[in-house]
Amino acid sequence: MHILLHFIAPALVVFLFYREQFRREYLIMMATMLVDVDHLLASPIYDPLRCSIAFHPMHSFIAVAGYVALCFFKKTRVVGLGLVVHMFLDTVDCQYTSGVWYHGG
């Protein structure tokens, strides 16, 4: 369900705010899923019980602050929104699977 939400939630955001350019903006938001490349640095690469937030480098609190900052500039807004939505979904997944909001929390 978590992975499915990574496709549905961005589609809803784009539908609500960028309907006139749905395809382009949705593809940009889908490209932000590449943020998960930092999972390749972990061992094991995939652990269904591991919380990504504050564990992987591109899921750190500093990185998330940068993603939020991207939302304030028109040229980077869609990328920022895609990354913030991704981090929000990962945070909710942490709570759902582990009962914490971030790794170590």
PDB file of N, CA and C in Angstrom:
ATOM      1  N   MET A   1       0.824  -1.190   0.000  1.00  0.00           N
ATOM      2  CA  MET A   1       0.000   0.000   0.000  1.00  0.00           C
ATOM      3  C   MET A   1       0.873   1.261   0.000  1.00  0.00           C
ATOM      4  N   HIS A   2       1.978   1.222   0.743  1.00  0.00           N
ATOM      5  CA  HIS A   2       2.858   2.381   0.843  1.00  0.00           C
ATOM      6  C   HIS A   2       3.364   2.813  -0.533  1.00  0.00           C
ATOM      7  N   ILE A   3       3.831   1.868  -1.323  1.00  0.00           N
ATOM      8  CA  ILE A   3       4.367   2.190  -2.646  1.00  0.00           C
ATOM      9  C   ILE A   3       3.260   2.725  -3.549  1.00  0.00           C
ATOM     10  N   LEU A   4       2.092   2.161  -3.463  1.00  0.00           N
ATOM     11  CA  LEU A   4       0.952   2.642  -4.251  1.00  0.00           C
ATOM     12  C   LEU A   4       0.634   4.103  -3.915  1.00  0.00           C
ATOM     13  N   LEU A   5       0.733   4.455  -2.647  1.00  0.00           N
ATOM     14  CA  LEU A   5       0.478   5.836  -2.238  1.00  0.00           C
ATOM     15  C   LEU A   5       1.500   6.804  -2.839  1.00  0.00           C
ATOM     16  N   HIS A   6       2.693   6.321  -3.128  1.00  0.00           N
ATOM     17  CA  HIS A   6       3.711   7.166  -3.750  1.00  0.00           C
ATOM     18  C   HIS A   6       3.345   7.511  -5.198  1.00  0.00           C
ATOM     19  N   PHE A   7       2.403   6.806  -5.769  1.00  0.00           N
ATOM     20  CA  PHE A   7       1.896   7.134  -7.103  1.00  0.00           C
ATOM     21  C   PHE A   7       0.588   7.918  -7.031  1.00  0.00           C
ATOM     22  N   ILE A   8      -0.245   7.588  -6.058  1.00  0.00           N
ATOM     23  CA  ILE A   8      -1.566   8.209  -5.953  1.00  0.00           C
ATOM     24  C   ILE A   8      -1.499   9.615  -5.362  1.00  0.00           C
ATOM     25  N   ALA A   9      -0.773   9.803  -4.268  1.00  0.00           N
ATOM     26  CA  ALA A   9      -0.735  11.117  -3.601  1.00  0.00           C
ATOM     27  C   ALA A   9      -0.196  12.210  -4.526  1.00  0.00           C
ATOM     28  N   PRO A  10       0.915  11.991  -5.245  1.00  0.00           N
ATOM     29  CA  PRO A  10       1.358  13.036  -6.172  1.00  0.00           C
ATOM     30  C   PRO A  10       0.329  13.324  -7.270  1.00  0.00           C
ATOM     31  N   ALA A  11      -0.351  12.288  -7.733  1.00  0.00           N
ATOM     32  CA  ALA A  11      -1.394  12.490  -8.751  1.00  0.00           C
ATOM     33  C   ALA A  11      -2.495  13.393  -8.215  1.00  0.00           C
ATOM     34  N   LEU A  12      -2.869  13.210  -6.961  1.00  0.00           N
ATOM     35  CA  LEU A  12      -3.899  14.064  -6.361  1.00  0.00           C
ATOM     36  C   LEU A  12      -3.426  15.509  -6.231  1.00  0.00           C
ATOM     37  N   VAL A  13      -2.184  15.695  -5.814  1.00  0.00           N
ATOM     38  CA  VAL A  13      -1.631  17.047  -5.683  1.00  0.00           C
ATOM     39  C   VAL A  13      -1.608  17.735  -7.049  1.00  0.00           C
ATOM     40  N   VAL A  14      -1.123  17.026  -8.056  1.00  0.00           N
ATOM     41  CA  VAL A  14      -1.063  17.604  -9.403  1.00  0.00           C
ATOM     42  C   VAL A  14      -2.463  17.884  -9.923  1.00  0.00           C
ATOM     43  N   PHE A  15      -3.389  16.982  -9.702  1.00  0.00           N
ATOM     44  CA  PHE A  15      -4.769  17.183 -10.156  1.00  0.00           C
ATOM     45  C   PHE A  15      -5.383  18.425  -9.512  1.00  0.00           C
ATOM     46  N   LEU A  16      -5.107  18.622  -8.230  1.00  0.00           N
ATOM     47  CA  LEU A  16      -5.678  19.767  -7.523  1.00  0.00           C
ATOM     48  C   LEU A  16      -5.048  21.105  -7.898  1.00  0.00           C
ATOM     49  N   PHE A  17      -3.726  21.114  -8.138  1.00  0.00           N
ATOM     50  CA  PHE A  17      -3.023  22.384  -8.310  1.00  0.00           C
ATOM     51  C   PHE A  17      -2.430  22.629  -9.702  1.00  0.00           C
ATOM     52  N   TYR A  18      -2.244  21.576 -10.482  1.00  0.00           N
ATOM     53  CA  TYR A  18      -1.601  21.722 -11.791  1.00  0.00           C
ATOM     54  C   TYR A  18      -2.355  20.958 -12.875  1.00  0.00           C
ATOM     55  N   ARG A  19      -3.649  20.966 -12.783  1.00  0.00           N
ATOM     56  CA  ARG A  19      -4.489  20.174 -13.678  1.00  0.00           C
ATOM     57  C   ARG A  19      -4.221  20.475 -15.154  1.00  0.00           C
ATOM     58  N   GLU A  20      -3.968  21.746 -15.497  1.00  0.00           N
ATOM     59  CA  GLU A  20      -3.778  22.129 -16.896  1.00  0.00           C
ATOM     60  C   GLU A  20      -2.511  21.528 -17.505  1.00  0.00           C
ATOM     61  N   GLN A  21      -1.528  21.171 -16.685  1.00  0.00           N
ATOM     62  CA  GLN A  21      -0.297  20.540 -17.173  1.00  0.00           C
ATOM     63  C   GLN A  21      -0.062  19.227 -16.424  1.00  0.00           C
ATOM     64  N   PHE A  22      -1.107  18.465 -16.294  1.00  0.00           N
ATOM     65  CA  PHE A  22      -1.076  17.264 -15.455  1.00  0.00           C
ATOM     66  C   PHE A  22       0.093  16.342 -15.802  1.00  0.00           C
ATOM     67  N   ARG A  23       0.221  15.962 -17.060  1.00  0.00           N
ATOM     68  CA  ARG A  23       1.234  14.968 -17.446  1.00  0.00           C
ATOM     69  C   ARG A  23       2.646  15.445 -17.087  1.00  0.00           C
ATOM     70  N   ARG A  24       2.974  16.663 -17.470  1.00  0.00           N
ATOM     71  CA  ARG A  24       4.319  17.194 -17.222  1.00  0.00           C
ATOM     72  C   ARG A  24       4.623  17.266 -15.729  1.00  0.00           C
ATOM     73  N   GLU A  25       3.717  17.835 -14.972  1.00  0.00           N
ATOM     74  CA  GLU A  25       3.947  18.012 -13.536  1.00  0.00           C
ATOM     75  C   GLU A  25       3.957  16.672 -12.798  1.00  0.00           C
ATOM     76  N   TYR A  26       3.118  15.750 -13.215  1.00  0.00           N
ATOM     77  CA  TYR A  26       3.093  14.427 -12.576  1.00  0.00           C
ATOM     78  C   TYR A  26       4.413  13.696 -12.835  1.00  0.00           C
ATOM     79  N   LEU A  27       4.935  13.807 -14.053  1.00  0.00           N
ATOM     80  CA  LEU A  27       6.216  13.166 -14.357  1.00  0.00           C
ATOM     81  C   LEU A  27       7.348  13.768 -13.529  1.00  0.00           C
ATOM     82  N   ILE A  28       7.312  15.067 -13.325  1.00  0.00           N
ATOM     83  CA  ILE A  28       8.320  15.707 -12.475  1.00  0.00           C
ATOM     84  C   ILE A  28       8.213  15.171 -11.049  1.00  0.00           C
ATOM     85  N   MET A  29       6.984  15.085 -10.550  1.00  0.00           N
ATOM     86  CA  MET A  29       6.806  14.576  -9.180  1.00  0.00           C
ATOM     87  C   MET A  29       7.227  13.111  -9.076  1.00  0.00           C
ATOM     88  N   MET A  30       6.990  12.343 -10.114  1.00  0.00           N
ATOM     89  CA  MET A  30       7.422  10.946 -10.097  1.00  0.00           C
ATOM     90  C   MET A  30       8.950  10.855 -10.120  1.00  0.00           C
ATOM     91  N   ALA A  31       9.589  11.783 -10.801  1.00  0.00           N
ATOM     92  CA  ALA A  31      11.057  11.795 -10.843  1.00  0.00           C
ATOM     93  C   ALA A  31      11.644  12.032  -9.452  1.00  0.00           C
ATOM     94  N   THR A  32      10.904  12.702  -8.587  1.00  0.00           N
ATOM     95  CA  THR A  32      11.413  12.933  -7.233  1.00  0.00           C
ATOM     96  C   THR A  32      11.506  11.635  -6.427  1.00  0.00           C
ATOM     97  N   MET A  33      10.909  10.578  -6.910  1.00  0.00           N
ATOM     98  CA  MET A  33      11.017   9.289  -6.218  1.00  0.00           C
ATOM     99  C   MET A  33      12.454   8.771  -6.270  1.00  0.00           C
ATOM    100  N   LEU A  34      13.268   9.369  -7.143  1.00  0.00           N
ATOM    101  CA  LEU A  34      14.686   8.990  -7.203  1.00  0.00           C
ATOM    102  C   LEU A  34      15.411   9.323  -5.905  1.00  0.00           C
ATOM    103  N   VAL A  35      14.772  10.080  -5.034  1.00  0.00           N
ATOM    104  CA  VAL A  35      15.346  10.370  -3.721  1.00  0.00           C
ATOM    105  C   VAL A  35      15.619   9.063  -2.963  1.00  0.00           C
ATOM    106  N   ASP A  36      14.925   8.023  -3.328  1.00  0.00           N
ATOM    107  CA  ASP A  36      15.111   6.733  -2.658  1.00  0.00           C
ATOM    108  C   ASP A  36      16.392   6.017  -3.076  1.00  0.00           C
ATOM    109  N   VAL A  37      17.167   6.631  -3.956  1.00  0.00           N
ATOM    110  CA  VAL A  37      18.446   6.025  -4.335  1.00  0.00           C
ATOM    111  C   VAL A  37      19.354   5.879  -3.112  1.00  0.00           C
ATOM    112  N   ASP A  38      19.128   6.707  -2.103  1.00  0.00           N
ATOM    113  CA  ASP A  38      19.956   6.603  -0.893  1.00  0.00           C
ATOM    114  C   ASP A  38      19.719   5.303  -0.127  1.00  0.00           C
ATOM    115  N   HIS A  39      18.669   4.581  -0.457  1.00  0.00           N
ATOM    116  CA  HIS A  39      18.429   3.275   0.165  1.00  0.00           C
ATOM    117  C   HIS A  39      19.528   2.279  -0.226  1.00  0.00           C
ATOM    118  N   LEU A  40      20.176   2.540  -1.357  1.00  0.00           N
ATOM    119  CA  LEU A  40      21.243   1.653  -1.821  1.00  0.00           C
ATOM    120  C   LEU A  40      22.458   1.678  -0.897  1.00  0.00           C
ATOM    121  N   LEU A  41      22.548   2.697  -0.058  1.00  0.00           N
ATOM    122  CA  LEU A  41      23.670   2.814   0.881  1.00  0.00           C
ATOM    123  C   LEU A  41      23.465   1.978   2.142  1.00  0.00           C
ATOM    124  N   ALA A  42      22.255   1.497   2.344  1.00  0.00           N
ATOM    125  CA  ALA A  42      21.934   0.752   3.565  1.00  0.00           C
ATOM    126  C   ALA A  42      22.136  -0.743   3.358  1.00  0.00           C
ATOM    127  N   SER A  43      22.308  -1.426   4.467  1.00  0.00           N
ATOM    128  CA  SER A  43      22.413  -2.878   4.423  1.00  0.00           C
ATOM    129  C   SER A  43      21.500  -3.447   5.505  1.00  0.00           C
ATOM    130  N   PRO A  44      20.490  -4.194   5.123  1.00  0.00           N
ATOM    131  CA  PRO A  44      20.098  -4.534   3.763  1.00  0.00           C
ATOM    132  C   PRO A  44      19.502  -3.318   3.050  1.00  0.00           C
ATOM    133  N   ILE A  45      19.487  -3.369   1.720  1.00  0.00           N
ATOM    134  CA  ILE A  45      18.964  -2.253   0.935  1.00  0.00           C
ATOM    135  C   ILE A  45      17.514  -1.994   1.295  1.00  0.00           C
ATOM    136  N   TYR A  46      16.738  -3.050   1.444  1.00  0.00           N
ATOM    137  CA  TYR A  46      15.322  -2.904   1.786  1.00  0.00           C
ATOM    138  C   TYR A  46      15.028  -3.642   3.078  1.00  0.00           C
ATOM    139  N   ASP A  47      14.457  -2.938   3.999  1.00  0.00           N
ATOM    140  CA  ASP A  47      13.995  -3.524   5.257  1.00  0.00           C
ATOM    141  C   ASP A  47      12.609  -2.957   5.513  1.00  0.00           C
ATOM    142  N   PRO A  48      11.571  -3.771   5.398  1.00  0.00           N
ATOM    143  CA  PRO A  48      10.205  -3.254   5.527  1.00  0.00           C
ATOM    144  C   PRO A  48       9.902  -2.640   6.890  1.00  0.00           C
ATOM    145  N   LEU A  49      10.697  -2.957   7.889  1.00  0.00           N
ATOM    146  CA  LEU A  49      10.447  -2.419   9.228  1.00  0.00           C
ATOM    147  C   LEU A  49      11.326  -1.211   9.561  1.00  0.00           C
ATOM    148  N   ARG A  50      12.223  -0.858   8.660  1.00  0.00           N
ATOM    149  CA  ARG A  50      13.114   0.279   8.912  1.00  0.00           C
ATOM    150  C   ARG A  50      12.418   1.584   8.535  1.00  0.00           C
ATOM    151  N   CYS A  51      12.570   2.569   9.374  1.00  0.00           N
ATOM    152  CA  CYS A  51      12.032   3.897   9.109  1.00  0.00           C
ATOM    153  C   CYS A  51      13.069   4.690   8.316  1.00  0.00           C
ATOM    154  N   SER A  52      12.674   5.196   7.165  1.00  0.00           N
ATOM    155  CA  SER A  52      13.595   5.940   6.300  1.00  0.00           C
ATOM    156  C   SER A  52      13.942   7.319   6.845  1.00  0.00           C
ATOM    157  N   ILE A  53      12.985   7.968   7.486  1.00  0.00           N
ATOM    158  CA  ILE A  53      13.178   9.344   7.935  1.00  0.00           C
ATOM    159  C   ILE A  53      14.264   9.381   9.015  1.00  0.00           C
ATOM    160  N   ALA A  54      15.274  10.201   8.780  1.00  0.00           N
ATOM    161  CA  ALA A  54      16.437  10.388   9.664  1.00  0.00           C
ATOM    162  C   ALA A  54      17.384   9.180   9.645  1.00  0.00           C
ATOM    163  N   PHE A  55      17.166   8.240   8.756  1.00  0.00           N
ATOM    164  CA  PHE A  55      18.084   7.109   8.616  1.00  0.00           C
ATOM    165  C   PHE A  55      18.920   7.269   7.348  1.00  0.00           C
ATOM    166  N   HIS A  56      18.268   7.462   6.222  1.00  0.00           N
ATOM    167  CA  HIS A  56      18.953   7.639   4.946  1.00  0.00           C
ATOM    168  C   HIS A  56      19.346   9.104   4.766  1.00  0.00           C
ATOM    169  N   PRO A  57      20.484   9.374   4.127  1.00  0.00           N
ATOM    170  CA  PRO A  57      20.966  10.765   3.997  1.00  0.00           C
ATOM    171  C   PRO A  57      19.977  11.712   3.321  1.00  0.00           C
ATOM    172  N   MET A  58      19.309  11.273   2.280  1.00  0.00           N
ATOM    173  CA  MET A  58      18.376  12.153   1.578  1.00  0.00           C
ATOM    174  C   MET A  58      17.004  12.188   2.246  1.00  0.00           C
ATOM    175  N   HIS A  59      16.896  11.516   3.384  1.00  0.00           N
ATOM    176  CA  HIS A  59      15.682  11.534   4.201  1.00  0.00           C
ATOM    177  C   HIS A  59      15.975  12.181   5.563  1.00  0.00           C
ATOM    178  N   SER A  60      17.090  12.898   5.641  1.00  0.00           N
ATOM    179  CA  SER A  60      17.477  13.555   6.895  1.00  0.00           C
ATOM    180  C   SER A  60      16.630  14.807   7.120  1.00  0.00           C
ATOM    181  N   PHE A  61      16.631  15.300   8.343  1.00  0.00           N
ATOM    182  CA  PHE A  61      15.858  16.494   8.654  1.00  0.00           C
ATOM    183  C   PHE A  61      16.379  17.713   7.888  1.00  0.00           C
ATOM    184  N   ILE A  62      17.693  17.787   7.700  1.00  0.00           N
ATOM    185  CA  ILE A  62      18.270  18.905   6.942  1.00  0.00           C
ATOM    186  C   ILE A  62      17.816  18.834   5.479  1.00  0.00           C
ATOM    187  N   ALA A  63      17.836  17.640   4.907  1.00  0.00           N
ATOM    188  CA  ALA A  63      17.379  17.470   3.531  1.00  0.00           C
ATOM    189  C   ALA A  63      15.906  17.853   3.406  1.00  0.00           C
ATOM    190  N   VAL A  64      15.089  17.410   4.351  1.00  0.00           N
ATOM    191  CA  VAL A  64      13.655  17.731   4.315  1.00  0.00           C
ATOM    192  C   VAL A  64      13.454  19.246   4.397  1.00  0.00           C
ATOM    193  N   ALA A  65      14.231  19.920   5.208  1.00  0.00           N
ATOM    194  CA  ALA A  65      14.139  21.386   5.290  1.00  0.00           C
ATOM    195  C   ALA A  65      14.456  22.000   3.922  1.00  0.00           C
ATOM    196  N   GLY A  66      15.429  21.451   3.234  1.00  0.00           N
ATOM    197  CA  GLY A  66      15.748  21.917   1.887  1.00  0.00           C
ATOM    198  C   GLY A  66      14.613  21.682   0.917  1.00  0.00           C
ATOM    199  N   TYR A  67      13.947  20.534   1.051  1.00  0.00           N
ATOM    200  CA  TYR A  67      12.816  20.224   0.174  1.00  0.00           C
ATOM    201  C   TYR A  67      11.668  21.208   0.412  1.00  0.00           C
ATOM    202  N   VAL A  68      11.436  21.541   1.666  1.00  0.00           N
ATOM    203  CA  VAL A  68      10.398  22.531   1.984  1.00  0.00           C
ATOM    204  C   VAL A  68      10.779  23.878   1.372  1.00  0.00           C
ATOM    205  N   ALA A  69      12.043  24.250   1.461  1.00  0.00           N
ATOM    206  CA  ALA A  69      12.494  25.526   0.893  1.00  0.00           C
ATOM    207  C   ALA A  69      12.254  25.576  -0.615  1.00  0.00           C
ATOM    208  N   LEU A  70      12.414  24.454  -1.302  1.00  0.00           N
ATOM    209  CA  LEU A  70      12.164  24.412  -2.744  1.00  0.00           C
ATOM    210  C   LEU A  70      10.729  24.797  -3.090  1.00  0.00           C
ATOM    211  N   CYS A  71       9.816  24.553  -2.186  1.00  0.00           N
ATOM    212  CA  CYS A  71       8.392  24.843  -2.425  1.00  0.00           C
ATOM    213  C   CYS A  71       8.111  26.339  -2.521  1.00  0.00           C
ATOM    214  N   PHE A  72       9.006  27.172  -2.049  1.00  0.00           N
ATOM    215  CA  PHE A  72       8.779  28.613  -2.026  1.00  0.00           C
ATOM    216  C   PHE A  72       9.193  29.320  -3.314  1.00  0.00           C
ATOM    217  N   PHE A  73       9.824  28.598  -4.231  1.00  0.00           N
ATOM    218  CA  PHE A  73      10.291  29.190  -5.482  1.00  0.00           C
ATOM    219  C   PHE A  73       9.537  28.566  -6.650  1.00  0.00           C
ATOM    220  N   LYS A  74       9.003  29.397  -7.513  1.00  0.00           N
ATOM    221  CA  LYS A  74       8.161  28.914  -8.603  1.00  0.00           C
ATOM    222  C   LYS A  74       8.865  27.862  -9.469  1.00  0.00           C
ATOM    223  N   LYS A  75      10.131  28.080  -9.778  1.00  0.00           N
ATOM    224  CA  LYS A  75      10.859  27.160 -10.669  1.00  0.00           C
ATOM    225  C   LYS A  75      11.116  25.788 -10.047  1.00  0.00           C
ATOM    226  N   THR A  76      11.133  25.721  -8.729  1.00  0.00           N
ATOM    227  CA  THR A  76      11.428  24.440  -8.066  1.00  0.00           C
ATOM    228  C   THR A  76      10.247  23.909  -7.264  1.00  0.00           C
ATOM    229  N   ARG A  77       9.115  24.587  -7.342  1.00  0.00           N
ATOM    230  CA  ARG A  77       7.964  24.249  -6.495  1.00  0.00           C
ATOM    231  C   ARG A  77       7.483  22.816  -6.681  1.00  0.00           C
ATOM    232  N   VAL A  78       7.343  22.363  -7.927  1.00  0.00           N
ATOM    233  CA  VAL A  78       6.816  21.009  -8.160  1.00  0.00           C
ATOM    234  C   VAL A  78       7.789  19.961  -7.632  1.00  0.00           C
ATOM    235  N   VAL A  79       9.074  20.182  -7.832  1.00  0.00           N
ATOM    236  CA  VAL A  79      10.079  19.255  -7.294  1.00  0.00           C
ATOM    237  C   VAL A  79       9.980  19.235  -5.766  1.00  0.00           C
ATOM    238  N   GLY A  80       9.914  20.432  -5.165  1.00  0.00           N
ATOM    239  CA  GLY A  80       9.788  20.516  -3.711  1.00  0.00           C
ATOM    240  C   GLY A  80       8.547  19.818  -3.204  1.00  0.00           C
ATOM    241  N   LEU A  81       7.424  20.043  -3.880  1.00  0.00           N
ATOM    242  CA  LEU A  81       6.178  19.379  -3.467  1.00  0.00           C
ATOM    243  C   LEU A  81       6.296  17.866  -3.570  1.00  0.00           C
ATOM    244  N   GLY A  82       6.904  17.397  -4.652  1.00  0.00           N
ATOM    245  CA  GLY A  82       7.083  15.951  -4.811  1.00  0.00           C
ATOM    246  C   GLY A  82       7.916  15.358  -3.687  1.00  0.00           C
ATOM    247  N   LEU A  83       8.982  16.050  -3.326  1.00  0.00           N
ATOM    248  CA  LEU A  83       9.850  15.565  -2.253  1.00  0.00           C
ATOM    249  C   LEU A  83       9.167  15.647  -0.891  1.00  0.00           C
ATOM    250  N   VAL A  84       8.433  16.719  -0.646  1.00  0.00           N
ATOM    251  CA  VAL A  84       7.728  16.862   0.634  1.00  0.00           C
ATOM    252  C   VAL A  84       6.634  15.807   0.757  1.00  0.00           C
ATOM    253  N   VAL A  85       5.896  15.572  -0.315  1.00  0.00           N
ATOM    254  CA  VAL A  85       4.863  14.524  -0.290  1.00  0.00           C
ATOM    255  C   VAL A  85       5.510  13.173  -0.010  1.00  0.00           C
ATOM    256  N   HIS A  86       6.637  12.917  -0.659  1.00  0.00           N
ATOM    257  CA  HIS A  86       7.357  11.652  -0.454  1.00  0.00           C
ATOM    258  C   HIS A  86       7.763  11.487   1.014  1.00  0.00           C
ATOM    259  N   MET A  87       8.347  12.535   1.587  1.00  0.00           N
ATOM    260  CA  MET A  87       8.781  12.470   2.984  1.00  0.00           C
ATOM    261  C   MET A  87       7.590  12.317   3.929  1.00  0.00           C
ATOM    262  N   PHE A  88       6.497  12.993   3.618  1.00  0.00           N
ATOM    263  CA  PHE A  88       5.285  12.852   4.436  1.00  0.00           C
ATOM    264  C   PHE A  88       4.787  11.406   4.412  1.00  0.00           C
ATOM    265  N   LEU A  89       4.734  10.819   3.226  1.00  0.00           N
ATOM    266  CA  LEU A  89       4.280   9.429   3.123  1.00  0.00           C
ATOM    267  C   LEU A  89       5.219   8.479   3.850  1.00  0.00           C
ATOM    268  N   ASP A  90       6.518   8.731   3.761  1.00  0.00           N
ATOM    269  CA  ASP A  90       7.477   7.891   4.485  1.00  0.00           C
ATOM    270  C   ASP A  90       7.315   8.051   5.995  1.00  0.00           C
ATOM    271  N   THR A  91       7.020   9.271   6.445  1.00  0.00           N
ATOM    272  CA  THR A  91       6.804   9.510   7.874  1.00  0.00           C
ATOM    273  C   THR A  91       5.567   8.764   8.372  1.00  0.00           C
ATOM    274  N   VAL A  92       4.505   8.832   7.600  1.00  0.00           N
ATOM    275  CA  VAL A  92       3.271   8.120   7.963  1.00  0.00           C
ATOM    276  C   VAL A  92       3.533   6.621   7.976  1.00  0.00           C
ATOM    277  N   ASP A  93       4.324   6.132   7.019  1.00  0.00           N
ATOM    278  CA  ASP A  93       4.664   4.712   6.982  1.00  0.00           C
ATOM    279  C   ASP A  93       5.460   4.307   8.222  1.00  0.00           C
ATOM    280  N   CYS A  94       6.368   5.181   8.674  1.00  0.00           N
ATOM    281  CA  CYS A  94       7.122   4.904   9.901  1.00  0.00           C
ATOM    282  C   CYS A  94       6.170   4.721  11.086  1.00  0.00           C
ATOM    283  N   GLN A  95       5.230   5.626  11.196  1.00  0.00           N
ATOM    284  CA  GLN A  95       4.267   5.554  12.298  1.00  0.00           C
ATOM    285  C   GLN A  95       3.433   4.290  12.202  1.00  0.00           C
ATOM    286  N   TYR A  96       3.002   3.966  10.999  1.00  0.00           N
ATOM    287  CA  TYR A  96       2.141   2.803  10.791  1.00  0.00           C
ATOM    288  C   TYR A  96       2.869   1.486  11.057  1.00  0.00           C
ATOM    289  N   THR A  97       4.111   1.368  10.568  1.00  0.00           N
ATOM    290  CA  THR A  97       4.815   0.090  10.690  1.00  0.00           C
ATOM    291  C   THR A  97       5.601  -0.056  11.988  1.00  0.00           C
ATOM    292  N   SER A  98       6.127   1.074  12.519  1.00  0.00           N
ATOM    293  CA  SER A  98       7.015   0.983  13.678  1.00  0.00           C
ATOM    294  C   SER A  98       6.523   1.736  14.904  1.00  0.00           C
ATOM    295  N   GLY A  99       5.493   2.550  14.734  1.00  0.00           N
ATOM    296  CA  GLY A  99       4.981   3.319  15.865  1.00  0.00           C
ATOM    297  C   GLY A  99       5.826   4.529  16.210  1.00  0.00           C
ATOM    298  N   VAL A 100       6.726   4.924  15.286  1.00  0.00           N
ATOM    299  CA  VAL A 100       7.554   6.112  15.496  1.00  0.00           C
ATOM    300  C   VAL A 100       7.407   7.019  14.277  1.00  0.00           C
ATOM    301  N   TRP A 101       7.744   8.297  14.435  1.00  0.00           N
ATOM    302  CA  TRP A 101       7.628   9.251  13.332  1.00  0.00           C
ATOM    303  C   TRP A 101       8.904   9.361  12.534  1.00  0.00           C
ATOM    304  N   TYR A 102      10.037   8.931  13.112  1.00  0.00           N
ATOM    305  CA  TYR A 102      11.313   8.970  12.408  1.00  0.00           C
ATOM    306  C   TYR A 102      12.244   7.950  13.054  1.00  0.00           C
ATOM    307  N   HIS A 103      13.316   7.595  12.329  1.00  0.00           N
ATOM    308  CA  HIS A 103      14.275   6.602  12.823  1.00  0.00           C
ATOM    309  C   HIS A 103      14.888   7.103  14.133  1.00  0.00           C
ATOM    310  N   GLY A 104      14.792   6.296  15.149  1.00  0.00           N
ATOM    311  CA  GLY A 104      15.339   6.674  16.438  1.00  0.00           C
ATOM    312  C   GLY A 104      14.353   7.434  17.303  1.00  0.00           C
ATOM    313  N   GLY A 105      13.179   7.707  16.764  1.00  0.00           N
ATOM    314  CA  GLY A 105      12.209   8.509  17.523  1.00  0.00           C
ATOM    315  C   GLY A 105      11.157   7.671  18.076  1.00  0.00           C
TER     316      GLY A 105
END
